[in-house]
Protein backbone atom coordinates (compact mmCIF):
# COMPACT_ATOMS: atom_id res chain seq x y z
CA MET A 1 -5.83 -3.14 18.95
CA LYS A 2 -3.58 -2.73 21.94
CA ALA A 3 -0.41 -0.70 22.00
CA TYR A 4 1.88 -3.70 22.49
CA THR A 5 0.56 -5.40 19.35
CA ILE A 6 1.46 -2.32 17.31
CA PHE A 7 4.88 -2.30 19.00
CA ILE A 8 5.37 -5.96 18.06
CA LEU A 9 4.45 -5.24 14.43
CA VAL A 10 6.74 -2.21 14.14
CA SER A 11 9.68 -3.95 15.79
CA GLY A 12 9.17 -6.97 13.54
CA LEU A 13 9.19 -4.79 10.45
CA VAL A 14 12.33 -2.99 11.64
CA LEU A 15 14.09 -6.32 12.20
CA VAL A 16 13.07 -7.64 8.78
CA ILE A 17 14.21 -4.48 7.01
CA THR A 18 17.48 -4.41 8.96
CA GLY A 19 18.10 -8.05 8.08
CA ILE A 20 17.53 -7.41 4.38
CA VAL A 21 19.76 -4.32 4.39
CA THR A 22 22.49 -6.21 6.24
CA PHE A 23 22.30 -9.12 3.80
CA TYR A 24 22.25 -7.11 0.57
CA GLY A 25 23.28 -3.59 1.47
CA LYS A 26 26.58 -1.82 1.55
CA ASN A 27 27.02 -0.84 5.16
CA LYS A 28 29.50 -1.20 8.02
CA VAL A 29 29.13 -4.98 8.07
CA ASN A 30 30.04 -5.33 4.39
CA ASP A 31 33.02 -7.61 5.03
CA LYS A 32 32.47 -11.33 5.48
CA HIS A 33 33.19 -11.44 9.22
CA PHE A 34 32.62 -8.77 11.81
CA ARG A 35 32.52 -8.50 15.57
CA PHE A 36 29.14 -8.32 17.29
CA MET A 37 29.29 -7.86 21.08
CA GLY A 38 32.77 -9.37 21.11
CA ILE A 39 31.80 -12.45 19.08
CA LYS A 40 33.16 -12.98 15.57
CA ALA A 41 30.03 -13.41 13.46
CA ASP A 42 29.33 -14.14 9.84
CA ARG A 43 27.40 -11.37 8.07
CA ILE A 44 24.98 -13.74 6.35
CA ALA A 45 24.15 -15.62 9.55
CA PHE A 46 23.59 -12.34 11.39
CA ALA A 47 21.31 -11.03 8.63
CA LEU A 48 19.28 -14.23 8.52
CA GLY A 49 18.94 -14.17 12.29
CA LEU A 50 17.60 -10.62 12.18
CA PHE A 51 15.22 -11.46 9.33
CA LEU A 52 13.84 -14.59 11.00
CA SER A 53 13.44 -12.81 14.34
CA GLY A 54 11.42 -10.14 12.59
CA MET A 55 9.26 -12.75 10.91
CA VAL A 56 8.55 -14.34 14.31
CA PHE A 57 7.45 -10.95 15.65
CA ILE A 58 5.14 -10.44 12.65
CA LEU A 59 3.72 -13.94 13.16
CA ILE A 60 3.03 -13.15 16.83
CA PHE A 61 1.27 -9.96 15.71
CA LEU A 62 -0.91 -11.89 13.26
CA ILE A 63 -1.82 -14.47 15.91
CA GLU A 64 -2.75 -11.67 18.33
CA VAL A 65 -4.94 -9.92 15.78
CA MET A 66 -6.49 -12.85 13.92
CA GLY A 67 -6.69 -15.37 16.76
CA PRO A 68 -9.96 -14.14 18.31
CA HIS A 69 -11.68 -14.22 14.91
CA PHE A 70 -10.94 -17.92 14.50
CA ILE A 71 -12.19 -18.67 18.02
CA GLU A 72 -15.50 -16.88 17.38
CA GLU A 73 -16.18 -18.15 13.86
CA GLY A 74 -14.31 -21.44 13.89
CA LEU A 75 -11.93 -22.79 11.29
């Protein structure tokens, strides 16, 4: 496994966990609206964006790792 695939997996997990904590947790973004880089954002939309971005990273990791096995053995 290459270093960038491990980086993709770890960053995906961090994004997923951050999205879950933002959605359910009691943190600085606990109010309904907050400012993110000067843009007024909804907390739920921001949390779902983080969660889905993390899931995309994990999917990319799985394709990187499992892809060659499907090419060699076939579906």
